All heavy atoms as atom14 arrays in JSON, in Angstrom:
{
  "sequence": "PFTNYAMAWFRQAPGKEREFVATFSWSITTYYADSLKSRFTISRDN",
  "atom14_mask": [
    [1, 1, 1, 1, 1, 1, 1, 0, 0, 0, 0, 0, 0, 0],
    [1, 1, 1, 1, 1, 1, 1, 1, 1, 1, 1, 0, 0, 0],
    [1, 1, 1, 1, 1, 1, 1, 0, 0, 0, 0, 0, 0, 0],
    [1, 1, 1, 1, 1, 1, 1, 1, 0, 0, 0, 0, 0, 0],
    [1, 1, 1, 1, 1, 1, 1, 1, 1, 1, 1, 1, 0, 0],
    [1, 1, 1, 1, 1, 0, 0, 0, 0, 0, 0, 0, 0, 0],
    [1, 1, 1, 1, 1, 1, 1, 1, 0, 0, 0, 0, 0, 0],
    [1, 1, 1, 1, 1, 0, 0, 0, 0, 0, 0, 0, 0, 0],
    [1, 1, 1, 1, 1, 1, 1, 1, 1, 1, 1, 1, 1, 1],
    [1, 1, 1, 1, 1, 1, 1, 1, 1, 1, 1, 0, 0, 0],
    [1, 1, 1, 1, 1, 1, 1, 1, 1, 1, 1, 0, 0, 0],
    [1, 1, 1, 1, 1, 1, 1, 1, 1, 0, 0, 0, 0, 0],
    [1, 1, 1, 1, 1, 0, 0, 0, 0, 0, 0, 0, 0, 0],
    [1, 1, 1, 1, 1, 1, 1, 0, 0, 0, 0, 0, 0, 0],
    [1, 1, 1, 1, 0, 0, 0, 0, 0, 0, 0, 0, 0, 0],
    [1, 1, 1, 1, 1, 1, 1, 1, 1, 0, 0, 0, 0, 0],
    [1, 1, 1, 1, 1, 1, 1, 1, 1, 0, 0, 0, 0, 0],
    [1, 1, 1, 1, 1, 1, 1, 1, 1, 1, 1, 0, 0, 0],
    [1, 1, 1, 1, 1, 1, 1, 1, 1, 0, 0, 0, 0, 0],
    [1, 1, 1, 1, 1, 1, 1, 1, 1, 1, 1, 0, 0, 0],
    [1, 1, 1, 1, 1, 1, 1, 0, 0, 0, 0, 0, 0, 0],
    [1, 1, 1, 1, 1, 0, 0, 0, 0, 0, 0, 0, 0, 0],
    [1, 1, 1, 1, 1, 1, 1, 0, 0, 0, 0, 0, 0, 0],
    [1, 1, 1, 1, 1, 1, 1, 1, 1, 1, 1, 0, 0, 0],
    [1, 1, 1, 1, 1, 1, 0, 0, 0, 0, 0, 0, 0, 0],
    [1, 1, 1, 1, 1, 1, 1, 1, 1, 1, 1, 1, 1, 1],
    [1, 1, 1, 1, 1, 1, 0, 0, 0, 0, 0, 0, 0, 0],
    [1, 1, 1, 1, 1, 1, 1, 1, 0, 0, 0, 0, 0, 0],
    [1, 1, 1, 1, 1, 1, 1, 0, 0, 0, 0, 0, 0, 0],
    [1, 1, 1, 1, 1, 1, 1, 0, 0, 0, 0, 0, 0, 0],
    [1, 1, 1, 1, 1, 1, 1, 1, 1, 1, 1, 1, 0, 0],
    [1, 1, 1, 1, 1, 1, 1, 1, 1, 1, 1, 1, 0, 0],
    [1, 1, 1, 1, 1, 0, 0, 0, 0, 0, 0, 0, 0, 0],
    [1, 1, 1, 1, 1, 1, 1, 1, 0, 0, 0, 0, 0, 0],
    [1, 1, 1, 1, 1, 1, 0, 0, 0, 0, 0, 0, 0, 0],
    [1, 1, 1, 1, 1, 1, 1, 1, 0, 0, 0, 0, 0, 0],
    [1, 1, 1, 1, 1, 1, 1, 1, 1, 0, 0, 0, 0, 0],
    [1, 1, 1, 1, 1, 1, 0, 0, 0, 0, 0, 0, 0, 0],
    [1, 1, 1, 1, 1, 1, 1, 1, 1, 1, 1, 0, 0, 0],
    [1, 1, 1, 1, 1, 1, 1, 1, 1, 1, 1, 0, 0, 0],
    [1, 1, 1, 1, 1, 1, 1, 0, 0, 0, 0, 0, 0, 0],
    [1, 1, 1, 1, 1, 1, 1, 1, 0, 0, 0, 0, 0, 0],
    [1, 1, 1, 1, 1, 1, 0, 0, 0, 0, 0, 0, 0, 0],
    [1, 1, 1, 1, 1, 1, 1, 1, 1, 1, 1, 0, 0, 0],
    [1, 1, 1, 1, 1, 1, 1, 1, 0, 0, 0, 0, 0, 0],
    [1, 1, 1, 1, 1, 1, 1, 1, 0, 0, 0, 0, 0, 0]
  ],
  "atom14_positions": [
    [[0.82, -1.21, 0.0], [0.0, 0.0, 0.0], [0.85, 1.26, 0.0], [1.86, 1.36, 0.71], [-0.82, -0.13, 1.29], [-0.94, -1.61, 1.49], [0.36, -2.19, 1.03], [0.0, 0.0, 0.0], [0.0, 0.0, 0.0], [0.0, 0.0, 0.0], [0.0, 0.0, 0.0], [0.0, 0.0, 0.0], [0.0, 0.0, 0.0], [0.0, 0.0, 0.0]],
    [[0.45, 2.22, -0.78], [1.22, 3.43, -1.01], [1.57, 4.18, 0.26], [2.65, 4.76, 0.37], [0.44, 4.34, -1.97], [1.22, 5.48, -2.52], [2.24, 5.27, -3.43], [0.91, 6.78, -2.16], [2.96, 6.33, -3.95], [1.62, 7.85, -2.68], [2.64, 7.62, -3.58], [0.0, 0.0, 0.0], [0.0, 0.0, 0.0], [0.0, 0.0, 0.0]],
    [[0.69, 4.15, 1.25], [0.9, 4.89, 2.49], [1.76, 4.16, 3.51], [1.99, 4.68, 4.61], [-0.45, 5.23, 3.14], [-1.19, 4.03, 3.37], [-1.27, 6.14, 2.23], [0.0, 0.0, 0.0], [0.0, 0.0, 0.0], [0.0, 0.0, 0.0], [0.0, 0.0, 0.0], [0.0, 0.0, 0.0], [0.0, 0.0, 0.0], [0.0, 0.0, 0.0]],
    [[2.27, 2.98, 3.18], [3.04, 2.18, 4.13], [4.54, 2.41, 4.07], [5.29, 1.74, 4.78], [2.75, 0.69, 3.93], [1.4, 0.28, 4.49], [0.62, 1.12, 4.94], [1.13, -1.01, 4.47], [0.0, 0.0, 0.0], [0.0, 0.0, 0.0], [0.0, 0.0, 0.0], [0.0, 0.0, 0.0], [0.0, 0.0, 0.0], [0.0, 0.0, 0.0]],
    [[5.02, 3.34, 3.26], [6.45, 3.57, 3.16], [6.74, 5.03, 2.81], [5.86, 5.75, 2.34], [7.1, 2.64, 2.13], [6.39, 2.57, 0.8], [6.68, 3.46, -0.22], [5.43, 1.58, 0.56], [6.04, 3.39, -1.44], [4.78, 1.51, -0.66], [5.09, 2.42, -1.66], [4.44, 2.34, -2.87], [0.0, 0.0, 0.0], [0.0, 0.0, 0.0]],
    [[7.96, 5.43, 3.05], [8.41, 6.77, 2.72], [9.0, 6.81, 1.31], [9.56, 5.84, 0.83], [9.46, 7.25, 3.74], [0.0, 0.0, 0.0], [0.0, 0.0, 0.0], [0.0, 0.0, 0.0], [0.0, 0.0, 0.0], [0.0, 0.0, 0.0], [0.0, 0.0, 0.0], [0.0, 0.0, 0.0], [0.0, 0.0, 0.0], [0.0, 0.0, 0.0]],
    [[8.86, 7.95, 0.67], [9.41, 8.16, -0.66], [10.4, 9.31, -0.63], [10.24, 10.25, 0.16], [8.3, 8.47, -1.66], [7.23, 7.4, -1.76], [7.83, 5.9, -2.57], [8.19, 6.52, -4.22], [0.0, 0.0, 0.0], [0.0, 0.0, 0.0], [0.0, 0.0, 0.0], [0.0, 0.0, 0.0], [0.0, 0.0, 0.0], [0.0, 0.0, 0.0]],
    [[11.41, 9.24, -1.49], [12.43, 10.28, -1.53], [12.97, 10.45, -2.93], [12.84, 9.56, -3.78], [13.57, 9.96, -0.56], [0.0, 0.0, 0.0], [0.0, 0.0, 0.0], [0.0, 0.0, 0.0], [0.0, 0.0, 0.0], [0.0, 0.0, 0.0], [0.0, 0.0, 0.0], [0.0, 0.0, 0.0], [0.0, 0.0, 0.0], [0.0, 0.0, 0.0]],
    [[13.57, 11.6, -3.17], [14.29, 11.89, -4.4], [15.75, 12.19, -4.08], [16.05, 12.93, -3.13], [13.69, 13.08, -5.15], [12.38, 12.8, -5.81], [11.14, 13.01, -5.32], [12.21, 12.28, -7.13], [10.19, 12.64, -6.24], [10.82, 12.19, -7.36], [13.09, 11.87, -8.14], [10.29, 11.71, -8.56], [12.57, 11.39, -9.33], [11.18, 11.31, -9.52]],
    [[16.64, 11.6, -4.87], [18.06, 11.89, -4.83], [18.52, 12.25, -6.23], [17.82, 12.0, -7.22], [18.86, 10.69, -4.32], [18.65, 10.37, -2.86], [17.53, 9.68, -2.45], [19.59, 10.75, -1.91], [17.32, 9.38, -1.11], [19.4, 10.45, -0.57], [18.26, 9.78, -0.18], [0.0, 0.0, 0.0], [0.0, 0.0, 0.0], [0.0, 0.0, 0.0]],
    [[19.7, 12.84, -6.34], [20.27, 13.12, -7.64], [21.77, 12.91, -7.61], [22.41, 13.01, -6.57], [19.93, 14.55, -8.1], [20.6, 15.65, -7.29], [20.15, 17.01, -7.77], [20.89, 18.09, -7.13], [20.67, 19.38, -7.36], [19.72, 19.76, -8.22], [21.4, 20.3, -6.73], [0.0, 0.0, 0.0], [0.0, 0.0, 0.0], [0.0, 0.0, 0.0]],
    [[22.33, 12.64, -8.79], [23.76, 12.4, -8.89], [24.28, 12.92, -10.22], [23.85, 12.48, -11.29], [24.08, 10.91, -8.75], [25.57, 10.61, -8.68], [25.84, 9.19, -8.25], [24.99, 8.31, -8.37], [27.04, 8.96, -7.74], [0.0, 0.0, 0.0], [0.0, 0.0, 0.0], [0.0, 0.0, 0.0], [0.0, 0.0, 0.0], [0.0, 0.0, 0.0]],
    [[25.2, 13.86, -10.16], [25.86, 14.39, -11.33], [27.14, 13.59, -11.6], [27.71, 13.0, -10.68], [26.2, 15.86, -11.14], [0.0, 0.0, 0.0], [0.0, 0.0, 0.0], [0.0, 0.0, 0.0], [0.0, 0.0, 0.0], [0.0, 0.0, 0.0], [0.0, 0.0, 0.0], [0.0, 0.0, 0.0], [0.0, 0.0, 0.0], [0.0, 0.0, 0.0]],
    [[27.6, 13.54, -12.85], [28.83, 12.79, -13.16], [30.01, 13.24, -12.3], [30.28, 14.43, -12.17], [29.07, 13.12, -14.63], [27.71, 13.43, -15.17], [27.0, 14.13, -14.05], [0.0, 0.0, 0.0], [0.0, 0.0, 0.0], [0.0, 0.0, 0.0], [0.0, 0.0, 0.0], [0.0, 0.0, 0.0], [0.0, 0.0, 0.0], [0.0, 0.0, 0.0]],
    [[30.69, 12.27, -11.69], [31.84, 12.56, -10.86], [31.54, 13.09, -9.48], [32.47, 13.43, -8.74], [0.0, 0.0, 0.0], [0.0, 0.0, 0.0], [0.0, 0.0, 0.0], [0.0, 0.0, 0.0], [0.0, 0.0, 0.0], [0.0, 0.0, 0.0], [0.0, 0.0, 0.0], [0.0, 0.0, 0.0], [0.0, 0.0, 0.0], [0.0, 0.0, 0.0]],
    [[30.26, 13.15, -9.09], [29.89, 13.67, -7.79], [29.15, 12.62, -6.97], [28.68, 11.61, -7.49], [29.02, 14.92, -7.94], [29.72, 16.09, -8.62], [28.83, 17.32, -8.65], [29.54, 18.5, -9.28], [28.68, 19.71, -9.31], [0.0, 0.0, 0.0], [0.0, 0.0, 0.0], [0.0, 0.0, 0.0], [0.0, 0.0, 0.0], [0.0, 0.0, 0.0]],
    [[29.05, 12.87, -5.66], [28.33, 11.98, -4.77], [26.82, 12.11, -4.97], [26.32, 13.15, -5.4], [28.68, 12.29, -3.32], [30.15, 12.12, -2.97], [30.58, 10.68, -2.98], [29.74, 9.8, -2.69], [31.75, 10.42, -3.29], [0.0, 0.0, 0.0], [0.0, 0.0, 0.0], [0.0, 0.0, 0.0], [0.0, 0.0, 0.0], [0.0, 0.0, 0.0]],
    [[26.11, 11.04, -4.65], [24.65, 11.1, -4.69], [24.15, 12.07, -3.61], [24.57, 12.01, -2.46], [24.06, 9.72, -4.49], [22.54, 9.68, -4.66], [22.03, 8.25, -4.81], [22.52, 7.63, -6.03], [22.16, 6.42, -6.46], [21.3, 5.7, -5.74], [22.67, 5.94, -7.58], [0.0, 0.0, 0.0], [0.0, 0.0, 0.0], [0.0, 0.0, 0.0]],
    [[23.23, 12.94, -3.99], [22.8, 14.04, -3.15], [21.31, 13.93, -2.82], [20.48, 13.7, -3.7], [23.07, 15.38, -3.86], [22.58, 16.61, -3.14], [22.7, 17.86, -3.98], [22.89, 17.74, -5.21], [22.61, 18.98, -3.42], [0.0, 0.0, 0.0], [0.0, 0.0, 0.0], [0.0, 0.0, 0.0], [0.0, 0.0, 0.0], [0.0, 0.0, 0.0]],
    [[20.98, 14.13, -1.56], [19.59, 14.14, -1.13], [18.87, 15.36, -1.68], [19.42, 16.47, -1.66], [19.5, 14.12, 0.4], [18.12, 14.38, 0.93], [17.15, 13.39, 0.9], [17.79, 15.62, 1.45], [15.88, 13.62, 1.38], [16.52, 15.87, 1.94], [15.56, 14.86, 1.9], [0.0, 0.0, 0.0], [0.0, 0.0, 0.0], [0.0, 0.0, 0.0]],
    [[17.63, 15.18, -2.13], [16.83, 16.27, -2.66], [15.6, 16.54, -1.79], [15.43, 17.65, -1.29], [16.39, 15.97, -4.11], [15.45, 17.07, -4.62], [17.61, 15.86, -5.02], [0.0, 0.0, 0.0], [0.0, 0.0, 0.0], [0.0, 0.0, 0.0], [0.0, 0.0, 0.0], [0.0, 0.0, 0.0], [0.0, 0.0, 0.0], [0.0, 0.0, 0.0]],
    [[14.75, 15.54, -1.63], [13.51, 15.73, -0.88], [12.94, 14.38, -0.49], [13.22, 13.36, -1.12], [12.49, 16.52, -1.7], [0.0, 0.0, 0.0], [0.0, 0.0, 0.0], [0.0, 0.0, 0.0], [0.0, 0.0, 0.0], [0.0, 0.0, 0.0], [0.0, 0.0, 0.0], [0.0, 0.0, 0.0], [0.0, 0.0, 0.0], [0.0, 0.0, 0.0]],
    [[12.08, 14.37, 0.54], [11.44, 13.13, 0.98], [10.03, 13.41, 1.47], [9.72, 14.53, 1.87], [12.26, 12.43, 2.07], [11.68, 11.15, 2.38], [12.31, 13.27, 3.35], [0.0, 0.0, 0.0], [0.0, 0.0, 0.0], [0.0, 0.0, 0.0], [0.0, 0.0, 0.0], [0.0, 0.0, 0.0], [0.0, 0.0, 0.0], [0.0, 0.0, 0.0]],
    [[9.19, 12.37, 1.42], [7.79, 12.46, 1.85], [7.45, 11.23, 2.66], [7.77, 10.11, 2.28], [6.87, 12.55, 0.63], [5.41, 12.63, 0.97], [4.76, 13.86, 1.01], [4.68, 11.5, 1.27], [3.42, 13.95, 1.33], [3.33, 11.57, 1.6], [2.71, 12.81, 1.62], [0.0, 0.0, 0.0], [0.0, 0.0, 0.0], [0.0, 0.0, 0.0]],
    [[6.78, 11.43, 3.8], [6.27, 10.33, 4.62], [5.02, 10.77, 5.34], [4.74, 11.96, 5.48], [7.32, 9.86, 5.62], [7.46, 10.78, 6.68], [0.0, 0.0, 0.0], [0.0, 0.0, 0.0], [0.0, 0.0, 0.0], [0.0, 0.0, 0.0], [0.0, 0.0, 0.0], [0.0, 0.0, 0.0], [0.0, 0.0, 0.0], [0.0, 0.0, 0.0]],
    [[4.25, 9.8, 5.82], [3.02, 10.12, 6.55], [3.3, 10.66, 7.94], [2.47, 11.4, 8.49], [2.14, 8.87, 6.64], [1.57, 8.47, 5.33], [1.97, 7.43, 4.54], [0.49, 9.1, 4.64], [1.2, 7.38, 3.39], [0.28, 8.39, 3.44], [-0.32, 10.2, 4.93], [-0.71, 8.75, 2.53], [-1.3, 10.56, 4.02], [-1.48, 9.84, 2.84]],
    [[4.46, 10.34, 8.52], [4.75, 10.75, 9.88], [5.2, 12.2, 9.99], [4.77, 12.92, 10.89], [5.81, 9.83, 10.49], [7.0, 9.86, 9.72], [0.0, 0.0, 0.0], [0.0, 0.0, 0.0], [0.0, 0.0, 0.0], [0.0, 0.0, 0.0], [0.0, 0.0, 0.0], [0.0, 0.0, 0.0], [0.0, 0.0, 0.0], [0.0, 0.0, 0.0]],
    [[6.07, 12.66, 9.09], [6.58, 14.03, 9.17], [6.38, 14.8, 7.88], [7.0, 15.87, 7.69], [8.07, 14.06, 9.58], [8.95, 13.45, 8.49], [8.27, 13.33, 10.9], [10.44, 13.67, 8.74], [0.0, 0.0, 0.0], [0.0, 0.0, 0.0], [0.0, 0.0, 0.0], [0.0, 0.0, 0.0], [0.0, 0.0, 0.0], [0.0, 0.0, 0.0]],
    [[5.56, 14.31, 7.02], [5.21, 14.94, 5.74], [6.43, 15.09, 4.83], [6.86, 14.1, 4.21], [4.47, 16.27, 5.95], [5.32, 17.23, 6.59], [3.22, 16.06, 6.78], [0.0, 0.0, 0.0], [0.0, 0.0, 0.0], [0.0, 0.0, 0.0], [0.0, 0.0, 0.0], [0.0, 0.0, 0.0], [0.0, 0.0, 0.0], [0.0, 0.0, 0.0]],
    [[6.99, 16.31, 4.74], [8.05, 16.54, 3.76], [9.28, 17.16, 4.4], [9.21, 17.81, 5.44], [7.57, 17.46, 2.63], [7.19, 18.73, 3.18], [6.39, 16.84, 1.91], [0.0, 0.0, 0.0], [0.0, 0.0, 0.0], [0.0, 0.0, 0.0], [0.0, 0.0, 0.0], [0.0, 0.0, 0.0], [0.0, 0.0, 0.0], [0.0, 0.0, 0.0]],
    [[10.43, 16.97, 3.74], [11.69, 17.54, 4.16], [12.55, 17.73, 2.92], [12.6, 16.87, 2.05], [12.39, 16.64, 5.17], [13.64, 17.24, 5.76], [13.56, 18.21, 6.76], [14.9, 16.85, 5.32], [14.7, 18.77, 7.3], [16.05, 17.41, 5.86], [15.94, 18.37, 6.85], [17.08, 18.93, 7.39], [0.0, 0.0, 0.0], [0.0, 0.0, 0.0]],
    [[13.27, 18.86, 2.86], [14.04, 19.21, 1.68], [15.48, 19.54, 2.04], [15.76, 20.02, 3.15], [13.44, 20.41, 0.96], [12.03, 20.22, 0.48], [10.95, 20.53, 1.29], [11.78, 19.74, -0.8], [9.65, 20.36, 0.85], [10.48, 19.57, -1.25], [9.43, 19.88, -0.42], [8.14, 19.71, -0.87], [0.0, 0.0, 0.0], [0.0, 0.0, 0.0]],
    [[16.37, 19.32, 1.09], [17.72, 19.85, 1.23], [17.65, 21.37, 1.31], [16.89, 22.01, 0.58], [18.58, 19.43, 0.04], [0.0, 0.0, 0.0], [0.0, 0.0, 0.0], [0.0, 0.0, 0.0], [0.0, 0.0, 0.0], [0.0, 0.0, 0.0], [0.0, 0.0, 0.0], [0.0, 0.0, 0.0], [0.0, 0.0, 0.0], [0.0, 0.0, 0.0]],
    [[18.44, 21.96, 2.22], [18.35, 23.39, 2.47], [18.56, 24.22, 1.21], [17.9, 25.25, 1.02], [19.37, 23.81, 3.53], [19.0, 23.34, 4.93], [17.82, 23.0, 5.15], [19.89, 23.32, 5.79], [0.0, 0.0, 0.0], [0.0, 0.0, 0.0], [0.0, 0.0, 0.0], [0.0, 0.0, 0.0], [0.0, 0.0, 0.0], [0.0, 0.0, 0.0]],
    [[19.45, 23.8, 0.35], [19.78, 24.57, -0.84], [18.72, 24.48, -1.93], [18.77, 25.24, -2.89], [21.13, 24.13, -1.4], [21.1, 22.77, -1.79], [0.0, 0.0, 0.0], [0.0, 0.0, 0.0], [0.0, 0.0, 0.0], [0.0, 0.0, 0.0], [0.0, 0.0, 0.0], [0.0, 0.0, 0.0], [0.0, 0.0, 0.0], [0.0, 0.0, 0.0]],
    [[17.76, 23.58, -1.79], [16.78, 23.33, -2.84], [15.34, 23.62, -2.44], [14.47, 23.7, -3.3], [16.87, 21.88, -3.31], [18.23, 21.4, -3.82], [18.17, 19.91, -4.15], [18.66, 22.2, -5.03], [0.0, 0.0, 0.0], [0.0, 0.0, 0.0], [0.0, 0.0, 0.0], [0.0, 0.0, 0.0], [0.0, 0.0, 0.0], [0.0, 0.0, 0.0]],
    [[15.07, 23.78, -1.16], [13.69, 23.83, -0.69], [12.89, 25.02, -1.21], [11.66, 24.97, -1.24], [13.65, 23.81, 0.84], [14.35, 24.97, 1.52], [14.33, 24.78, 3.04], [15.07, 25.9, 3.74], [15.08, 25.68, 5.22], [0.0, 0.0, 0.0], [0.0, 0.0, 0.0], [0.0, 0.0, 0.0], [0.0, 0.0, 0.0], [0.0, 0.0, 0.0]],
    [[13.55, 26.08, -1.63], [12.84, 27.23, -2.16], [12.39, 27.03, -3.6], [11.55, 27.78, -4.09], [13.72, 28.49, -2.07], [14.88, 28.36, -2.88], [0.0, 0.0, 0.0], [0.0, 0.0, 0.0], [0.0, 0.0, 0.0], [0.0, 0.0, 0.0], [0.0, 0.0, 0.0], [0.0, 0.0, 0.0], [0.0, 0.0, 0.0], [0.0, 0.0, 0.0]],
    [[12.91, 26.02, -4.28], [12.62, 25.81, -5.69], [11.97, 24.46, -5.99], [11.31, 24.33, -7.02], [13.91, 25.91, -6.52], [14.58, 27.28, -6.44], [15.76, 27.37, -7.41], [16.86, 26.48, -7.02], [17.33, 25.48, -7.76], [16.79, 25.22, -8.94], [18.34, 24.74, -7.33], [0.0, 0.0, 0.0], [0.0, 0.0, 0.0], [0.0, 0.0, 0.0]],
    [[12.15, 23.47, -5.14], [11.65, 22.12, -5.38], [10.51, 21.79, -4.44], [10.51, 22.18, -3.27], [12.76, 21.08, -5.2], [13.84, 21.11, -6.26], [13.95, 22.15, -7.16], [14.74, 20.05, -6.34], [14.94, 22.16, -8.13], [15.73, 20.05, -7.31], [15.83, 21.1, -8.2], [0.0, 0.0, 0.0], [0.0, 0.0, 0.0], [0.0, 0.0, 0.0]],
    [[9.52, 21.02, -4.94], [8.39, 20.59, -4.15], [8.09, 19.12, -4.42], [8.01, 18.71, -5.58], [7.14, 21.43, -4.46], [7.4, 22.81, -4.22], [5.97, 20.99, -3.58], [0.0, 0.0, 0.0], [0.0, 0.0, 0.0], [0.0, 0.0, 0.0], [0.0, 0.0, 0.0], [0.0, 0.0, 0.0], [0.0, 0.0, 0.0], [0.0, 0.0, 0.0]],
    [[7.92, 18.33, -3.35], [7.54, 16.93, -3.48], [6.05, 16.8, -3.16], [5.56, 17.43, -2.22], [8.4, 16.02, -2.58], [8.13, 14.55, -2.89], [8.19, 16.32, -1.11], [9.14, 13.61, -2.22], [0.0, 0.0, 0.0], [0.0, 0.0, 0.0], [0.0, 0.0, 0.0], [0.0, 0.0, 0.0], [0.0, 0.0, 0.0], [0.0, 0.0, 0.0]],
    [[5.33, 16.0, -3.93], [3.89, 15.82, -3.73], [3.48, 14.41, -4.12], [4.27, 13.65, -4.68], [3.1, 16.85, -4.54], [3.34, 16.69, -5.93], [0.0, 0.0, 0.0], [0.0, 0.0, 0.0], [0.0, 0.0, 0.0], [0.0, 0.0, 0.0], [0.0, 0.0, 0.0], [0.0, 0.0, 0.0], [0.0, 0.0, 0.0], [0.0, 0.0, 0.0]],
    [[2.21, 14.06, -3.82], [1.72, 12.71, -4.04], [0.34, 12.73, -4.67], [-0.5, 13.57, -4.33], [1.7, 11.94, -2.72], [1.02, 10.59, -2.76], [1.06, 9.91, -1.4], [2.42, 9.48, -1.06], [2.74, 8.89, 0.08], [1.82, 8.67, 1.0], [4.0, 8.54, 0.32], [0.0, 0.0, 0.0], [0.0, 0.0, 0.0], [0.0, 0.0, 0.0]],
    [[0.08, 11.78, -5.57], [-1.23, 11.56, -6.16], [-1.62, 10.13, -5.84], [-1.14, 9.19, -6.47], [-1.19, 11.79, -7.66], [-2.56, 11.71, -8.31], [-3.44, 11.02, -7.78], [-2.75, 12.35, -9.36], [0.0, 0.0, 0.0], [0.0, 0.0, 0.0], [0.0, 0.0, 0.0], [0.0, 0.0, 0.0], [0.0, 0.0, 0.0], [0.0, 0.0, 0.0]],
    [[-2.51, 9.95, -4.86], [-2.89, 8.61, -4.42], [-3.62, 7.82, -5.51], [-3.45, 6.61, -5.61], [-3.75, 8.7, -3.17], [-2.97, 9.11, -1.95], [-1.77, 8.87, -1.85], [-3.65, 9.72, -0.99], [0.0, 0.0, 0.0], [0.0, 0.0, 0.0], [0.0, 0.0, 0.0], [0.0, 0.0, 0.0], [0.0, 0.0, 0.0], [0.0, 0.0, 0.0]]
  ]
}
């Protein structure tokens, strides 16, 4: 069931480490990387 787990986005540029972008869960809703939160939004369509 869709509501039974957390979802997240990461990104990785060539030659760089994988970077956290944003996450969504039922317990704490959403959380963003500080440098991206003003421009990126995570959402869900059940």
